[in-house]
Amino acid sequence: MSTELAHRGCGSSEGGVASPSRAAGKAHRGRLDRWLAARLRHELSQVGVGLRLWNDPADAEAPSGSAGDLIVGDRRALLGLMVNPELYFGEAYMAGRLHVRGELAPILEALCRVRPPQPTWIDRWRTRLARPNSLPSSRRNVHHHYDLGNDFYRLWLDDQLVYTCAYFPEPDATLEEAQRAKLDLVSRKLQLRPGDRVIEAGCGWGALALHMAREYGVEVKAFNISREQIAYARDRAAREGLAGRVEFIEDDYRSVAGRFDVFVSVGMLEHVGRAHFRSLGEVIRRTLDPQRGRGLLHFIGRDAARPLNAWIRRRIFPGAYPPTLAEVADHVLSPFAQSVLDVENLRLHYARTLAHWSRRFAAAGGPVSAAHGESFRRAWELYLAGSEAAFATGWLQLFQVTFAPSEAAPPYWTRANLYTHARV
């Protein structure tokens, strides 16, 4: 036996010679590793992803998958991929126990095709057992994700810190152009008129509220429970001379009161949770003018009801749930006398948005690791690339739903002007 092989763990701690029982145990574990890897490799090969193990020299020369390879660093990572890949792929990747050879996004896109995006009975069971987002838990969830520091988001978002799906009127539009186009598309769908009173639930860093006030002459009350985002939005409103027309309120959407002409929510509905869909519907009914009101919900959704990826819920978006169109219609709008007027699916626009974010995030990898640690950087790298793959393959959708009270006249006769009068 060579010295190199001895130092790979074949020897005992006593004298460098393995006992028969330990040697047999190691051989058994090696056979188990190869058996598990063979099963996993067969499944992955169908979507063009290869698999390499940490303890098999032959794997170093194994042919690559057409999409790329997964490099499994230890037995725990291998077992996790077999038992619960939805959770433990992310855990192993962020810990550096799982690596990829090739581009991360195409590999993840291939992995999305291992099984179709249809819910299993386990998904349905987990969806029913999800905890409701109470006021305290909503605040904790928002703090976990959105209060990481504005400096972090400045590294890779656009110049207005818009953290929702952009709209690309042309495929080669820049991220900044596409985000401005999205803000204006939403405004046009709402048919904003000077003097309209607008309520925005979940306003992020304030870009949409400020755009509506500046470009359309409306008055906006914008609600958000992220302290850092609200502080930034208030400061920006003061700098741009819009503080008199936009009020940023640090409070939960359930506290909205008063009558308004317009209700808009961009990127907030997926944080509400199924148990509180009706509470959101009640807010819409009591605040929206029944004669001239109109509204828009822009949200990440599904074609079939199932929970969000378990690892993303644990590490990135606790409490999040992407609803189906049917759930929104049946539990948020229809029971509260709201009629759906128009639905648009922008999922490929979100895939492109995420590709832009991923490239910018990769360029900022050094500062992110220095400020938050390498495990955090790898987690967010995976989250962005995995989300891009989910939208590209149809696991996730991005819906814009325009609605109005049942008695109100629709805000537009045809769609024509929605796409011909852009202000970007």
Protein backbone atom coordinates (compact mmCIF):
# COMPACT_ATOMS: atom_id res chain seq x y z
CA MET A 1 0.00 0.00 0.00
CA SER A 2 1.37 3.41 -0.91
CA THR A 3 1.83 6.17 1.63
CA GLU A 4 -0.75 8.25 -0.27
CA LEU A 5 -3.43 5.61 0.08
CA ALA A 6 -2.62 5.12 3.74
CA HIS A 7 -3.20 8.79 4.40
CA ARG A 8 -6.62 8.64 2.75
CA GLY A 9 -7.92 6.99 5.91
CA CYS A 10 -7.14 3.30 5.38
CA GLY A 11 -4.99 3.06 8.50
CA SER A 12 -6.07 2.98 12.14
CA SER A 13 -5.06 5.67 14.62
CA GLU A 14 -3.00 3.12 16.55
CA GLY A 15 -0.44 1.80 14.13
CA GLY A 16 -1.46 2.72 10.59
CA VAL A 17 -2.89 -0.74 9.86
CA ALA A 18 -6.65 -1.06 9.54
CA SER A 19 -8.39 -3.75 11.59
CA PRO A 20 -10.39 -6.28 9.59
CA SER A 21 -13.69 -5.02 11.01
CA ARG A 22 -12.93 -1.39 10.22
CA ALA A 23 -11.70 -2.27 6.76
CA ALA A 24 -14.86 -4.30 6.12
CA GLY A 25 -17.03 -1.41 7.37
CA LYS A 26 -15.27 1.01 5.12
CA ALA A 27 -15.64 -1.29 2.14
CA HIS A 28 -19.34 -1.68 2.88
CA ARG A 29 -19.81 2.09 3.10
CA GLY A 30 -17.94 2.50 -0.17
CA ARG A 31 -20.26 0.02 -1.89
CA LEU A 32 -23.27 1.84 -0.44
CA ASP A 33 -21.92 5.18 -1.68
CA ARG A 34 -21.46 3.80 -5.18
CA TRP A 35 -24.91 2.18 -5.16
CA LEU A 36 -26.60 5.43 -4.11
CA ALA A 37 -24.53 7.38 -6.61
CA ALA A 38 -25.47 4.98 -9.40
CA ARG A 39 -29.19 5.49 -8.72
CA LEU A 40 -28.79 9.24 -8.56
CA ARG A 41 -26.51 9.32 -11.60
CA HIS A 42 -29.07 7.40 -13.66
CA GLU A 43 -31.79 9.92 -12.82
CA LEU A 44 -29.58 12.94 -13.44
CA SER A 45 -28.22 11.61 -16.72
CA GLN A 46 -31.70 11.88 -18.24
CA VAL A 47 -31.46 15.69 -18.00
CA GLY A 48 -27.78 15.95 -18.91
CA VAL A 49 -26.28 16.39 -15.44
CA GLY A 50 -23.29 14.30 -14.37
CA LEU A 51 -22.33 13.23 -10.83
CA ARG A 52 -18.92 12.86 -9.22
CA LEU A 53 -18.11 11.50 -5.76
CA TRP A 54 -15.46 12.56 -3.27
CA ASN A 55 -14.15 9.04 -2.62
CA ASP A 56 -13.96 7.41 -6.05
CA PRO A 57 -10.84 8.22 -8.09
CA ALA A 58 -12.57 6.90 -11.20
CA ASP A 59 -15.07 9.76 -10.96
CA ALA A 60 -12.30 12.25 -11.61
CA GLU A 61 -12.25 11.00 -15.19
CA ALA A 62 -15.99 10.45 -15.52
CA PRO A 63 -17.53 12.10 -18.57
CA SER A 64 -19.32 15.35 -17.87
CA GLY A 65 -23.03 15.79 -18.31
CA SER A 66 -24.03 18.01 -21.19
CA ALA A 67 -25.37 20.61 -18.75
CA GLY A 68 -22.57 20.14 -16.19
CA ASP A 69 -21.64 18.06 -13.15
CA LEU A 70 -22.52 17.93 -9.48
CA ILE A 71 -19.43 17.37 -7.32
CA VAL A 72 -20.55 15.67 -4.08
CA GLY A 73 -18.08 16.41 -1.30
CA ASP A 74 -19.06 13.91 1.38
CA ARG A 75 -21.43 11.11 2.35
CA ARG A 76 -23.80 13.44 4.21
CA ALA A 77 -24.32 15.50 1.08
CA LEU A 78 -24.95 12.35 -0.97
CA LEU A 79 -27.54 11.04 1.49
CA GLY A 80 -29.24 14.44 1.58
CA LEU A 81 -29.58 14.47 -2.21
CA MET A 82 -31.22 11.06 -2.05
CA VAL A 83 -33.52 11.66 0.94
CA ASN A 84 -34.69 15.26 0.47
CA PRO A 85 -33.00 17.02 -2.44
CA GLU A 86 -35.31 20.04 -2.25
CA LEU A 87 -33.89 20.93 1.16
CA TYR A 88 -30.43 19.37 1.31
CA PHE A 89 -29.16 20.43 -2.11
CA GLY A 90 -29.24 23.99 -0.83
CA GLU A 91 -27.84 23.10 2.59
CA ALA A 92 -24.89 21.24 1.07
CA TYR A 93 -24.24 23.92 -1.56
CA MET A 94 -24.15 26.82 0.88
CA ALA A 95 -21.87 24.84 3.21
CA GLY A 96 -19.42 24.10 0.39
CA ARG A 97 -20.05 20.34 0.54
CA LEU A 98 -21.60 20.36 -2.94
CA HIS A 99 -20.09 22.11 -5.94
CA VAL A 100 -20.90 22.32 -9.62
CA ARG A 101 -18.70 22.01 -12.67
CA GLY A 102 -20.18 24.24 -15.34
CA GLU A 103 -22.60 27.18 -15.24
CA LEU A 104 -24.87 27.05 -12.19
CA ALA A 105 -28.10 28.35 -13.79
CA PRO A 106 -28.20 25.83 -16.71
CA ILE A 107 -27.48 22.97 -14.30
CA LEU A 108 -30.32 24.07 -12.03
CA GLU A 109 -32.60 24.50 -15.03
CA ALA A 110 -31.82 20.91 -16.04
CA LEU A 111 -32.49 19.70 -12.48
CA CYS A 112 -35.91 21.37 -12.59
CA ARG A 113 -36.75 18.94 -15.39
CA VAL A 114 -35.97 15.83 -13.34
CA ARG A 115 -39.63 15.79 -12.38
CA PRO A 116 -42.55 17.89 -13.66
CA PRO A 117 -43.76 20.85 -11.57
CA GLN A 118 -46.92 19.09 -10.42
CA PRO A 119 -47.69 18.76 -6.71
CA THR A 120 -47.38 15.47 -4.87
CA TRP A 121 -49.48 14.41 -1.88
CA ILE A 122 -46.58 15.49 0.34
CA ASP A 123 -46.70 18.97 -1.20
CA ARG A 124 -50.44 19.19 -0.54
CA TRP A 125 -49.96 18.04 3.06
CA ARG A 126 -47.20 20.58 3.68
CA THR A 127 -49.28 23.35 2.11
CA ARG A 128 -52.21 22.65 4.45
CA LEU A 129 -49.95 22.55 7.52
CA ALA A 130 -48.13 25.83 6.79
CA ARG A 131 -48.16 28.24 9.73
CA PRO A 132 -50.19 31.42 9.24
CA ASN A 133 -48.26 34.70 8.99
CA SER A 134 -49.33 36.54 12.12
CA LEU A 135 -48.28 40.15 12.61
CA PRO A 136 -45.22 39.22 14.73
CA SER A 137 -44.13 36.43 12.36
CA SER A 138 -44.59 38.70 9.33
CA ARG A 139 -42.28 41.25 10.92
CA ARG A 140 -39.69 38.56 11.67
CA ASN A 141 -39.90 37.22 8.11
CA VAL A 142 -39.50 40.67 6.57
CA HIS A 143 -36.58 41.47 8.85
CA HIS A 144 -34.90 38.19 7.87
CA HIS A 145 -34.89 39.06 4.18
CA TYR A 146 -35.36 42.77 3.56
CA ASP A 147 -33.42 44.25 6.46
CA LEU A 148 -30.07 42.79 5.42
CA GLY A 149 -28.93 46.35 4.76
CA ASN A 150 -29.50 48.68 1.85
CA ASP A 151 -25.81 48.52 0.99
CA PHE A 152 -26.19 44.80 0.25
CA TYR A 153 -29.02 45.35 -2.23
CA ARG A 154 -27.27 48.32 -3.85
CA LEU A 155 -24.52 45.92 -4.97
CA TRP A 156 -26.74 44.12 -7.48
CA LEU A 157 -30.16 45.75 -7.94
CA ASP A 158 -30.87 48.60 -10.36
CA ASP A 159 -30.37 52.27 -9.53
CA GLN A 160 -33.85 52.55 -7.92
CA LEU A 161 -33.57 49.35 -5.84
CA VAL A 162 -36.56 47.69 -7.50
CA TYR A 163 -36.63 44.13 -6.18
CA THR A 164 -39.44 42.70 -8.32
CA CYS A 165 -39.82 41.37 -11.86
CA ALA A 166 -38.81 43.87 -14.55
CA TYR A 167 -40.59 44.31 -17.87
CA PHE A 168 -38.42 44.10 -21.00
CA PRO A 169 -40.20 45.84 -23.90
CA GLU A 170 -37.14 44.90 -25.97
CA PRO A 171 -34.98 41.84 -25.20
CA ASP A 172 -31.79 43.91 -25.08
CA ALA A 173 -33.14 46.55 -22.66
CA THR A 174 -30.91 47.25 -19.68
CA LEU A 175 -32.08 46.30 -16.20
CA GLU A 176 -32.60 49.98 -15.38
CA GLU A 177 -34.69 50.50 -18.53
CA ALA A 178 -36.72 47.36 -17.86
CA GLN A 179 -37.49 48.32 -14.27
CA ARG A 180 -38.66 51.79 -15.31
CA ALA A 181 -40.78 50.12 -18.01
CA LYS A 182 -42.35 47.87 -15.35
CA LEU A 183 -43.20 50.82 -13.10
CA ASP A 184 -44.90 52.53 -16.02
CA LEU A 185 -46.69 49.39 -17.24
CA VAL A 186 -48.24 49.00 -13.79
CA SER A 187 -49.24 52.68 -13.78
CA ARG A 188 -50.83 52.44 -17.22
CA LYS A 189 -52.76 49.31 -16.32
CA LEU A 190 -54.20 51.24 -13.37
CA GLN A 191 -55.17 54.16 -15.67
CA LEU A 192 -53.90 56.67 -13.13
CA ARG A 193 -55.32 60.18 -13.28
CA PRO A 194 -54.09 63.34 -11.54
CA GLY A 195 -55.57 63.58 -8.06
CA ASP A 196 -56.23 59.83 -7.70
CA ARG A 197 -55.79 58.50 -4.19
CA VAL A 198 -53.60 55.38 -4.29
CA ILE A 199 -52.86 52.80 -1.62
CA GLU A 200 -49.79 50.61 -2.10
CA ALA A 201 -49.37 47.52 0.07
CA GLY A 202 -45.73 46.49 0.36
CA CYS A 203 -43.78 49.32 -1.25
CA GLY A 204 -40.17 48.10 -1.08
CA TRP A 205 -37.75 51.02 -1.37
CA GLY A 206 -40.48 53.26 -2.76
CA ALA A 207 -39.77 53.31 -6.49
CA LEU A 208 -43.34 52.63 -7.69
CA ALA A 209 -44.98 55.09 -5.27
CA LEU A 210 -42.57 57.85 -6.31
CA HIS A 211 -43.01 57.04 -10.02
CA MET A 212 -46.80 57.21 -9.78
CA ALA A 213 -46.70 60.53 -7.90
CA ARG A 214 -44.08 62.14 -10.15
CA GLU A 215 -45.30 60.94 -13.56
CA TYR A 216 -49.08 60.76 -13.00
CA GLY A 217 -49.82 63.36 -10.32
CA VAL A 218 -51.45 61.00 -7.83
CA GLU A 219 -51.34 60.91 -4.04
CA VAL A 220 -49.95 57.71 -2.53
CA LYS A 221 -50.02 56.09 0.89
CA ALA A 222 -47.46 53.28 0.83
CA PHE A 223 -47.30 50.62 3.55
CA ASN A 224 -44.28 48.47 4.47
CA ILE A 225 -43.02 46.80 7.66
CA SER A 226 -39.33 46.87 6.71
CA ARG A 227 -37.78 49.69 8.75
CA GLU A 228 -34.74 50.02 6.50
CA GLN A 229 -36.79 50.22 3.32
CA ILE A 230 -39.19 52.80 4.76
CA ALA A 231 -36.33 54.99 5.97
CA TYR A 232 -34.73 54.90 2.51
CA ALA A 233 -38.03 55.64 0.76
CA ARG A 234 -38.80 58.62 3.01
CA ASP A 235 -35.35 60.05 2.44
CA ARG A 236 -35.69 59.66 -1.32
CA ALA A 237 -39.14 61.29 -1.33
CA ALA A 238 -37.73 64.29 0.55
CA ARG A 239 -34.77 64.59 -1.83
CA GLU A 240 -37.03 64.49 -4.88
CA GLY A 241 -39.58 66.95 -3.50
CA LEU A 242 -42.37 64.36 -3.37
CA ALA A 243 -42.88 64.06 0.38
CA GLY A 244 -46.09 66.08 0.10
CA ARG A 245 -47.65 63.59 -2.31
CA VAL A 246 -46.25 60.27 -1.04
CA GLU A 247 -46.58 59.11 2.55
CA PHE A 248 -44.50 56.07 3.52
CA ILE A 249 -46.08 54.30 6.49
CA GLU A 250 -44.23 51.70 8.56
CA ASP A 251 -47.13 49.36 9.22
CA ASP A 252 -48.73 46.11 8.08
CA TYR A 253 -51.17 46.01 5.15
CA ARG A 254 -53.90 44.88 7.55
CA SER A 255 -53.84 48.34 9.12
CA VAL A 256 -54.83 50.14 5.91
CA ALA A 257 -57.90 52.34 6.42
CA GLY A 258 -59.80 54.96 4.41
CA ARG A 259 -61.20 55.11 0.88
CA PHE A 260 -59.01 55.10 -2.22
CA ASP A 261 -59.36 55.09 -5.98
CA VAL A 262 -56.54 52.60 -6.57
CA PHE A 263 -55.13 49.59 -4.72
CA VAL A 264 -51.78 48.22 -5.91
CA SER A 265 -49.45 45.57 -4.57
CA VAL A 266 -46.26 44.54 -6.36
CA GLY A 267 -44.33 41.60 -4.89
CA MET A 268 -46.18 41.45 -1.56
CA LEU A 269 -48.93 38.87 -2.08
CA GLU A 270 -46.49 35.93 -2.00
CA HIS A 271 -45.61 36.96 1.58
CA VAL A 272 -49.21 37.04 2.80
CA GLY A 273 -49.71 33.28 3.18
CA ARG A 274 -52.80 31.23 2.35
CA ALA A 275 -54.32 31.65 5.80
CA HIS A 276 -54.50 35.44 5.34
CA PHE A 277 -55.72 35.73 1.75
CA ARG A 278 -59.20 36.62 2.99
CA SER A 279 -57.82 39.30 5.29
CA LEU A 280 -56.15 40.91 2.27
CA GLY A 281 -59.42 40.66 0.34
CA GLU A 282 -61.24 42.38 3.18
CA VAL A 283 -58.70 45.22 3.14
CA ILE A 284 -59.25 45.66 -0.60
CA ARG A 285 -63.05 45.72 -0.22
CA ARG A 286 -63.13 48.25 2.61
CA THR A 287 -60.58 50.63 1.06
CA LEU A 288 -61.42 50.59 -2.67
CA ASP A 289 -64.05 53.01 -3.96
CA PRO A 290 -66.92 50.79 -5.23
CA GLN A 291 -67.76 53.05 -8.18
CA ARG A 292 -64.40 54.23 -9.56
CA GLY A 293 -61.93 51.92 -7.89
CA ARG A 294 -59.45 49.63 -9.64
CA GLY A 295 -56.49 47.59 -8.53
CA LEU A 296 -53.53 45.46 -9.55
CA LEU A 297 -51.79 42.52 -7.91
CA HIS A 298 -48.30 41.60 -9.21
CA PHE A 299 -47.07 38.37 -7.62
CA ILE A 300 -45.04 35.19 -7.96
CA GLY A 301 -47.44 32.30 -8.46
CA ARG A 302 -47.92 28.68 -9.46
CA ASP A 303 -50.01 26.77 -11.95
CA ALA A 304 -50.85 24.21 -9.25
CA ALA A 305 -50.92 24.67 -5.49
CA ARG A 306 -47.74 23.59 -3.74
CA PRO A 307 -45.41 25.12 -1.13
CA LEU A 308 -42.36 27.15 -1.98
CA ASN A 309 -39.06 25.26 -2.14
CA ALA A 310 -38.23 24.07 1.39
CA TRP A 311 -34.66 25.40 1.37
CA ILE A 312 -35.73 28.84 0.14
CA ARG A 313 -38.35 28.98 2.89
CA ARG A 314 -35.73 28.05 5.47
CA ARG A 315 -32.85 30.26 4.36
CA ILE A 316 -34.23 33.05 2.16
CA PHE A 317 -38.00 33.68 2.34
CA PRO A 318 -39.55 32.30 5.55
CA GLY A 319 -43.33 32.32 5.48
CA ALA A 320 -43.61 32.79 1.71
CA TYR A 321 -46.20 31.03 -0.44
CA PRO A 322 -46.72 31.55 -4.22
CA PRO A 323 -50.46 31.21 -4.91
CA THR A 324 -52.27 29.98 -7.96
CA LEU A 325 -54.55 32.24 -9.98
CA ALA A 326 -57.50 30.21 -8.74
CA GLU A 327 -56.54 30.80 -5.10
CA VAL A 328 -56.26 34.55 -5.67
CA ALA A 329 -59.59 34.70 -7.51
CA ASP A 330 -61.40 32.44 -5.03
CA HIS A 331 -60.01 33.82 -1.76
CA VAL A 332 -58.76 37.38 -2.36
CA LEU A 333 -61.03 38.87 -5.04
CA SER A 334 -64.34 37.12 -5.79
CA PRO A 335 -65.62 36.80 -2.18
CA PHE A 336 -65.09 40.53 -1.75
CA ALA A 337 -67.00 41.71 -4.83
CA GLN A 338 -63.92 42.27 -7.02
CA SER A 339 -63.97 41.32 -10.71
CA VAL A 340 -60.85 40.13 -12.54
CA LEU A 341 -60.36 42.32 -15.63
CA ASP A 342 -57.05 41.21 -17.06
CA VAL A 343 -54.28 38.68 -16.40
CA GLU A 344 -50.77 38.77 -17.84
CA ASN A 345 -48.00 36.25 -17.21
CA LEU A 346 -44.47 37.73 -17.23
CA ARG A 347 -42.53 34.68 -16.07
CA LEU A 348 -39.89 34.87 -18.81
CA HIS A 349 -39.39 38.53 -17.96
CA TYR A 350 -38.64 37.42 -14.40
CA ALA A 351 -36.17 34.81 -15.63
CA ARG A 352 -34.38 37.57 -17.54
CA THR A 353 -34.51 39.89 -14.51
CA LEU A 354 -32.91 37.20 -12.38
CA ALA A 355 -30.20 36.61 -14.97
CA HIS A 356 -29.30 40.32 -14.68
CA TRP A 357 -29.32 40.11 -10.88
CA SER A 358 -27.18 36.97 -10.89
CA ARG A 359 -24.52 38.57 -13.08
CA ARG A 360 -24.38 41.65 -10.88
CA PHE A 361 -24.32 39.54 -7.74
CA ALA A 362 -21.43 37.45 -9.10
CA ALA A 363 -19.47 40.63 -9.81
CA ALA A 364 -20.06 41.71 -6.19
CA GLY A 365 -19.08 38.34 -4.71
CA GLY A 366 -16.00 39.67 -2.91
CA PRO A 367 -17.77 42.46 -0.99
CA VAL A 368 -20.71 40.15 -0.17
CA SER A 369 -18.41 37.48 1.29
CA ALA A 370 -16.43 40.08 3.23
CA ALA A 371 -19.56 41.56 4.77
CA HIS A 372 -21.72 38.45 5.29
CA GLY A 373 -19.50 35.37 4.95
CA GLU A 374 -18.93 32.81 2.21
CA SER A 375 -21.84 30.58 3.25
CA PHE A 376 -24.23 33.54 2.87
CA ARG A 377 -22.77 34.40 -0.53
CA ARG A 378 -23.20 30.83 -1.77
CA ALA A 379 -26.78 30.72 -0.44
CA TRP A 380 -27.78 33.85 -2.33
CA GLU A 381 -25.92 32.75 -5.46
CA LEU A 382 -27.97 29.55 -5.40
CA TYR A 383 -31.22 31.37 -4.62
CA LEU A 384 -30.88 33.75 -7.57
CA ALA A 385 -29.78 31.07 -10.04
CA GLY A 386 -32.40 28.61 -8.81
CA SER A 387 -35.15 31.20 -9.11
CA GLU A 388 -34.08 31.97 -12.66
CA ALA A 389 -34.30 28.26 -13.46
CA ALA A 390 -37.73 27.97 -11.83
CA PHE A 391 -39.18 30.76 -13.96
CA ALA A 392 -37.45 29.54 -17.11
CA THR A 393 -38.95 26.05 -16.75
CA GLY A 394 -42.43 27.00 -15.52
CA TRP A 395 -42.05 25.88 -11.91
CA LEU A 396 -42.91 29.47 -10.99
CA GLN A 397 -45.05 32.07 -12.76
CA LEU A 398 -45.25 35.86 -12.50
CA PHE A 399 -48.81 37.14 -12.69
CA GLN A 400 -50.18 40.65 -13.03
CA VAL A 401 -53.91 40.67 -12.26
CA THR A 402 -55.94 43.83 -12.86
CA PHE A 403 -59.29 44.00 -11.06
CA ALA A 404 -62.08 46.38 -10.07
CA PRO A 405 -65.14 46.33 -7.80
CA SER A 406 -67.99 44.47 -9.47
CA GLU A 407 -70.06 47.63 -9.93
CA ALA A 408 -67.20 49.78 -11.25
CA ALA A 409 -66.59 50.36 -14.94
CA PRO A 410 -63.37 48.72 -16.22
CA PRO A 411 -60.56 51.29 -16.37
CA TYR A 412 -59.92 50.75 -20.09
CA TRP A 413 -61.96 49.73 -23.14
CA THR A 414 -59.12 47.85 -24.91
CA ARG A 415 -55.53 46.95 -24.06
CA ALA A 416 -54.11 48.96 -26.95
CA ASN A 417 -52.88 51.97 -25.01
CA LEU A 418 -51.19 49.80 -22.38
CA TYR A 419 -48.35 49.00 -24.76
CA THR A 420 -48.13 52.11 -26.94
CA HIS A 421 -47.75 54.99 -24.50
CA ALA A 422 -44.79 53.96 -22.37
CA ARG A 423 -42.94 56.56 -20.30
CA VAL A 424 -39.48 55.05 -19.82
